[in-house]
Amino acid sequence: MRSKKLLNRISAILGIIVLILIAFAFYNHIFPLSWGLHGKVNKGIVSGEAIHGYDPVAYFTELKAVKGNSNFTFGYNNATWYFTSQENLDLFKSDPDKYLPQYGGYCSFAVSKGFSADSDPETFDIIDGKLYLCAEPDIKNEWLKEGKAGIEKANENWK
């Protein structure tokens, strides 16, 4: 009887741990790409903000991550994109593909490994005129070490 109670407690604890891990994965958009649970754009679950409300054009015009303004938004690919100015909004509207982050704004390193994962808009690089976001600076360093091979693998995985 005592071992059955212990087994029940262990099972309950393991169940709680699994639920916590699942909640963490959903919150951080971490899924194998093969499951198809990721959206075309990495966006806030409730807000629908693409790249956490940062201006995708500013990466190219200011070479830094800049939080957008709620006065300048645009719905595209089932997400809300924020901009710092009407000029940036107009630039985006004229050629969205030029400014969109690769892999829908998910972490580029994760995509190269076959997963989706949330990204930090402040951890980015522009390579050959394309915006790549990563989850954190250490991950970005790993991503950059992979060079073109990492981009090719991510491109293959993203299809």
Foldseek 3Di string as FASTA:
>chain_A
DVVVVVVVVVVVVVVVVVVVVVVVCVQFVKDQVVVVPDAQADAHPPQLAGLQQWQLQCCVVVVFTDHFDPVQWDDDSSGIHGHNDVVSSVVCVVPVVLRQAPSNQFALQQLLVRIGGHFHSGAWDADPSHIHTHRDPVSSVVCVVCPPVSVVSSVVSSD
